[in-house]
Protein backbone atom coordinates (compact mmCIF):
# COMPACT_ATOMS: atom_id res chain seq x y z
CA MET A 1 11.87 -12.00 0.92
CA ALA A 2 11.77 -8.22 0.61
CA GLN A 3 14.51 -6.34 2.94
CA GLY A 4 13.17 -5.26 6.03
CA ALA A 5 10.76 -7.88 6.66
CA PRO A 6 10.91 -10.16 9.88
CA GLY A 7 12.89 -13.51 9.09
CA GLY A 8 16.42 -12.31 9.53
CA ASN A 9 16.89 -9.95 6.57
CA TYR A 10 16.90 -6.48 8.12
CA ARG A 11 20.48 -5.15 8.97
CA ILE A 12 20.54 -3.28 12.09
CA GLY A 13 21.65 0.78 11.55
CA PRO A 14 22.02 3.72 13.33
CA ARG A 15 18.90 4.69 15.60
CA ASP A 16 17.10 1.72 15.50
CA GLN A 17 16.22 0.50 19.18
CA ILE A 18 16.81 -2.79 20.02
CA GLN A 19 16.10 -5.15 23.10
CA VAL A 20 18.80 -7.40 24.21
CA ARG A 21 18.31 -10.40 26.49
CA VAL A 22 20.85 -12.62 27.82
CA ARG A 23 18.99 -15.69 29.77
CA GLU A 24 22.36 -16.74 31.70
CA LEU A 25 22.95 -12.97 32.85
CA PRO A 26 19.36 -10.91 33.45
CA ASP A 27 21.57 -8.00 34.65
CA LEU A 28 22.70 -7.68 30.94
CA ASP A 29 19.12 -7.29 29.87
CA SER A 30 18.74 -3.64 28.13
CA GLU A 31 16.92 -1.78 25.53
CA GLN A 32 18.81 1.06 23.89
CA VAL A 33 19.35 2.83 20.83
CA VAL A 34 22.29 2.08 18.62
CA ALA A 35 24.58 4.97 18.33
CA GLU A 36 25.26 6.99 15.35
CA ASP A 37 28.80 5.06 14.81
CA GLY A 38 26.84 1.97 14.71
CA SER A 39 27.93 0.71 18.34
CA ILE A 40 25.89 -0.85 21.45
CA SER A 41 27.44 -0.42 24.86
CA LEU A 42 26.72 -3.88 26.92
CA GLY A 43 28.17 -4.37 30.20
CA VAL A 44 30.68 -6.60 30.77
CA VAL A 45 31.05 -7.08 26.76
CA GLY A 46 31.62 -3.53 26.28
CA ARG A 47 31.24 -1.87 23.07
CA LEU A 48 30.40 -3.76 19.92
CA GLN A 49 29.43 -2.78 16.55
CA ALA A 50 25.73 -3.45 16.02
CA ALA A 51 25.04 -1.74 12.65
CA GLY A 52 24.93 -3.96 9.54
CA LEU A 53 24.09 -6.99 11.37
CA THR A 54 20.95 -9.01 11.45
CA GLU A 55 19.79 -9.61 14.62
CA ALA A 56 20.90 -13.45 14.44
CA GLU A 57 24.36 -12.19 13.64
CA LEU A 58 24.38 -9.85 16.56
CA GLU A 59 23.15 -12.59 18.74
CA ASP A 60 26.00 -14.76 17.67
CA GLU A 61 28.35 -11.72 18.41
CA ILE A 62 26.85 -11.00 21.83
CA GLY A 63 27.31 -14.71 22.67
CA GLU A 64 30.81 -15.04 21.36
CA ARG A 65 31.97 -12.27 23.66
CA LEU A 66 30.14 -13.60 26.66
CA LEU A 67 31.93 -16.99 26.17
CA GLN A 68 35.24 -15.19 25.96
CA GLU A 69 34.47 -13.57 29.15
CA GLY A 70 34.55 -17.29 30.68
CA LEU A 71 30.56 -17.47 30.41
CA ARG A 72 29.70 -21.66 29.60
CA LYS A 73 26.83 -20.59 27.88
CA ALA A 74 25.21 -17.62 26.34
CA SER A 75 21.53 -17.85 25.07
CA VAL A 76 21.00 -14.55 23.85
CA ALA A 77 17.71 -12.39 22.54
CA VAL A 78 17.54 -9.97 19.80
CA THR A 79 15.10 -7.75 19.31
CA ILE A 80 14.39 -4.68 16.97
CA ALA A 81 11.90 -2.46 18.83
CA ALA A 82 11.82 0.36 16.47
CA TYR A 83 13.43 0.86 13.10
CA ARG A 84 14.71 4.17 13.08
CA SER A 85 17.43 4.27 10.60
CA ARG A 86 15.21 3.31 7.71
CA PRO A 87 11.78 5.22 8.10
CA VAL A 88 8.88 4.42 5.93
CA SER A 89 7.90 6.84 3.54
CA VAL A 90 4.52 7.98 3.45
CA MET A 91 3.15 10.42 0.23
CA GLY A 92 0.30 11.34 -1.34
CA ALA A 93 -3.18 12.18 0.38
CA VAL A 94 -2.66 11.69 3.90
CA ARG A 95 -2.65 14.33 6.82
CA GLU A 96 0.85 14.33 7.84
CA PRO A 97 3.00 13.03 4.42
CA GLY A 98 6.92 12.56 5.09
CA ASN A 99 8.93 10.17 6.76
CA HIS A 100 7.74 7.92 9.74
CA PHE A 101 9.38 5.71 12.36
CA VAL A 102 7.54 2.46 12.89
CA PRO A 103 8.02 -0.04 15.71
CA GLY A 104 9.31 -3.45 15.20
CA ARG A 105 6.14 -5.04 13.85
CA ALA A 106 3.53 -2.36 12.44
CA THR A 107 0.55 -2.70 10.20
CA LEU A 108 -0.64 -0.62 7.01
CA MET A 109 -3.11 0.72 9.13
CA GLU A 110 -0.84 1.88 12.12
CA VAL A 111 1.37 3.91 9.99
CA LEU A 112 -1.52 5.49 7.92
CA LEU A 113 -2.91 6.78 11.48
CA ASN A 114 0.77 7.54 12.81
CA ALA A 115 0.64 9.96 9.40
CA GLY A 116 -2.78 11.58 10.36
CA GLY A 117 -4.72 9.28 8.34
CA LEU A 118 -6.23 9.48 5.09
CA ASP A 119 -7.43 12.95 3.91
CA SER A 120 -10.81 13.56 2.10
CA GLU A 121 -8.99 13.65 -1.23
CA HIS A 122 -7.64 10.03 -1.47
CA GLY A 123 -8.24 7.88 -3.93
CA PRO A 124 -9.65 4.35 -3.90
CA VAL A 125 -6.06 2.57 -3.81
CA ILE A 126 -3.29 2.78 -1.71
CA TYR A 127 0.22 1.40 -3.22
CA VAL A 128 2.91 0.00 -1.03
CA ARG A 129 6.28 -0.41 -2.38
CA ARG A 130 9.17 -2.39 -1.01
CA ARG A 131 12.75 -3.16 -2.67
CA ALA A 132 13.52 -7.12 -2.47
CA GLU A 133 16.72 -8.78 -1.62
CA ASN A 134 17.20 -9.27 -5.64
CA GLY A 135 16.86 -5.21 -6.01
CA LEU A 136 13.52 -5.36 -7.56
CA THR A 137 10.81 -3.32 -6.21
CA ASP A 138 7.55 -5.19 -5.27
CA GLN A 139 4.18 -2.75 -5.38
CA VAL A 140 0.98 -4.33 -3.62
CA ALA A 141 -2.40 -2.33 -4.35
CA ILE A 142 -4.57 -2.29 -1.30
CA ASP A 143 -8.57 -0.98 -2.22
CA VAL A 144 -9.10 1.74 0.66
CA ARG A 145 -12.75 0.59 0.65
CA GLN A 146 -11.99 -2.77 1.77
CA LEU A 147 -9.29 -1.88 4.08
CA VAL A 148 -11.14 1.00 5.81
CA GLY A 149 -14.31 0.59 4.89
CA GLN A 150 -14.82 -3.23 5.44
CA GLY A 151 -12.10 -3.60 7.65
CA ASP A 152 -10.76 -6.34 5.65
CA PRO A 153 -7.73 -7.71 7.90
CA GLN A 154 -5.97 -9.41 4.98
CA LEU A 155 -5.28 -6.10 3.51
CA ASN A 156 -3.93 -4.54 6.34
CA ILE A 157 -0.60 -5.98 5.97
CA PRO A 158 2.93 -5.82 7.88
CA ILE A 159 4.90 -2.55 6.97
CA PHE A 160 8.77 -2.52 7.68
CA ALA A 161 11.26 -0.21 7.33
CA GLY A 162 12.22 1.34 4.08
CA ASP A 163 8.76 0.67 2.68
CA LEU A 164 7.24 3.50 0.81
CA ILE A 165 3.28 3.75 0.92
CA ASN A 166 1.76 6.23 -1.53
CA VAL A 167 -2.08 7.42 -1.30
CA PRO A 168 -3.00 9.27 -4.43
CA ALA A 169 -5.31 11.45 -4.16
CA LYS A 170 -8.76 10.92 -6.29
CA GLN A 171 -8.95 11.68 -9.62
CA PRO A 172 -12.33 12.71 -11.72
CA ILE A 173 -13.57 9.87 -13.87
CA THR A 174 -14.60 11.32 -17.22
CA ILE A 175 -16.84 9.40 -19.66
CA ASN A 176 -17.82 10.70 -22.88
CA VAL A 177 -21.00 10.04 -24.35
CA LEU A 178 -21.82 10.55 -28.42
CA GLY A 179 -24.65 9.79 -30.40
CA GLU A 180 -28.36 9.47 -29.29
CA VAL A 181 -28.71 10.84 -26.07
CA SER A 182 -30.09 14.19 -25.04
CA ASN A 183 -26.95 15.73 -23.81
CA VAL A 184 -24.05 14.78 -25.91
CA GLY A 185 -20.24 15.39 -24.36
CA SER A 186 -18.24 14.83 -21.36
CA LEU A 187 -19.65 13.63 -18.12
CA VAL A 188 -17.37 13.85 -15.00
CA PHE A 189 -17.73 12.12 -12.05
CA PRO A 190 -16.27 12.19 -8.60
CA GLY A 191 -13.31 9.78 -8.63
CA ASP A 192 -13.97 7.86 -5.06
CA ARG A 193 -17.55 6.54 -6.60
CA LYS A 194 -18.31 3.71 -9.21
CA VAL A 195 -19.62 4.85 -12.35
CA THR A 196 -21.71 2.64 -14.23
CA LEU A 197 -23.18 2.66 -17.88
CA LEU A 198 -26.69 3.19 -16.96
CA MET A 199 -25.49 6.30 -14.42
CA ALA A 200 -23.75 7.57 -17.65
CA ILE A 201 -26.64 7.57 -19.79
CA ALA A 202 -29.03 8.77 -17.09
CA SER A 203 -26.48 11.71 -16.55
CA ALA A 204 -26.58 12.35 -20.35
CA GLY A 205 -30.57 12.95 -20.25
CA GLY A 206 -31.23 9.24 -21.19
CA LEU A 207 -32.07 7.85 -24.77
CA SER A 208 -33.22 9.69 -27.54
CA GLU A 209 -36.49 8.18 -29.06
CA THR A 210 -34.40 7.00 -31.70
CA ALA A 211 -31.62 5.47 -30.09
CA SER A 212 -30.87 1.72 -30.84
CA LYS A 213 -30.80 -0.14 -27.38
CA LYS A 214 -27.42 -1.80 -28.28
CA LEU A 215 -24.64 0.39 -26.99
CA SER A 216 -21.24 0.57 -27.50
CA ILE A 217 -18.32 1.29 -25.25
CA GLN A 218 -15.29 2.20 -26.64
CA ARG A 219 -12.03 1.82 -23.83
CA GLY A 220 -8.41 2.28 -24.73
CA THR A 221 -6.08 -0.51 -23.65
CA THR A 222 -2.22 -0.72 -22.19
CA SER A 223 -1.10 -1.24 -25.57
CA GLY A 224 -2.47 2.01 -27.10
CA ASN A 225 -5.72 0.24 -28.93
CA ARG A 226 -9.46 0.54 -28.58
CA GLU A 227 -11.68 -2.75 -27.47
CA GLU A 228 -15.07 -2.34 -27.82
CA ILE A 229 -17.83 -3.83 -25.38
CA VAL A 230 -21.49 -3.85 -26.61
CA ALA A 231 -24.02 -3.77 -24.39
CA ASP A 232 -27.70 -4.33 -24.30
CA TYR A 233 -29.38 -1.74 -22.62
CA ARG A 234 -32.96 -3.13 -22.26
CA ARG A 235 -31.39 -6.34 -20.65
CA ILE A 236 -29.10 -4.06 -18.03
CA LEU A 237 -32.18 -1.91 -17.51
CA ALA A 238 -34.56 -5.15 -16.68
CA GLY A 239 -31.66 -6.83 -14.51
CA LYS A 240 -31.32 -9.51 -16.67
CA ASP A 241 -27.47 -8.51 -17.48
CA PRO A 242 -25.24 -6.83 -15.17
CA ASP A 243 -24.67 -3.05 -15.08
CA ILE A 244 -21.54 -2.37 -16.33
CA GLU A 245 -18.92 -0.28 -14.34
CA LEU A 246 -16.94 2.14 -16.93
CA GLN A 247 -13.51 3.53 -16.74
CA ASP A 248 -11.99 6.93 -17.21
CA GLY A 249 -12.04 7.84 -20.43
CA ASP A 250 -14.60 5.64 -21.76
CA LEU A 251 -16.46 6.33 -24.76
CA ILE A 252 -20.32 5.52 -24.87
CA VAL A 253 -21.53 5.05 -28.67
CA VAL A 254 -25.10 5.33 -28.80
CA LYS A 255 -26.23 4.64 -32.79
CA GLU A 256 -29.85 5.54 -34.15
CA SER A 257 -31.88 2.56 -34.48
CA PHE A 258 -33.31 2.04 -38.24
CA PHE A 259 -36.14 -0.57 -36.96
C-alpha cells in the first residue's frame, strides 16, 4: 500500500492536525496540531510524542498512559484531520501550482480545485505519483475529459499526503504528409484535439486525382523502430472502416496509383 494512504501506514508528523477521542473520558476529546517537536498535550496524560507513530500506534500509546493513570478501560480513537507535515505537490498547468495541504480524506478534484483548477493550457492527461512502502514510485494516468468533462467518479481517486500531481501543458500534435496530396508538409493541430486520418488528409487539401486509396501511416515505437499501418481511404470515407486516430509525429505517405 502506498505511504500516506488510509489503512494505518501513514506516520504522523509535525503540523498534522489530529482528532483524539476517548469514550470513557470525553473531557479528553480534542482536536489539535502536532507541535514542531512532534508532541501533543492530552490532559492527565500530559505531553507525549505523536510524530513517527501511526494512528493505531498513537491510540495504543494513549491507552497505555491512561491505564497507568488508573483508568480500567480506555477506548481511544485517533484520526488525522489534515495532513500538513507532508503536503501534496501540484505542478504544471494549474492556476496555483505548489504545495497544498489536504484534509484527512481528499479526492483528486478537491485538490485540483484547491490549486485554483486547471488552466487553459492543460493537456489531456493528469499524472498522480506516490511512493510505495517498498520505495518504488507508482504512477496513475487520469484522462482529463473523462474526469472533468464526463465526471467519471472512478477517476476521482483519493489523494494522500506526499502525492505529486502533475498536469502537463498541452503540446501541439504534428503530422507529416508526403506524396499525392495538395499540400505536402507538416500539419500542426492543437494538443487537446483528437486528430484522425480524414482530418489530416482534409487539412492537407485532399488527395490528388492520381493518389492511391491505400494510405500508409508510419509511426515510431518505444523501441526506436517504426511500424506501418495501412488504411483504406475509401472504406474509411464510406464509414465501413473506423477513422484512425493519429499520434504526434505520425507520417502519412500517399503513393501514386498506377491503375
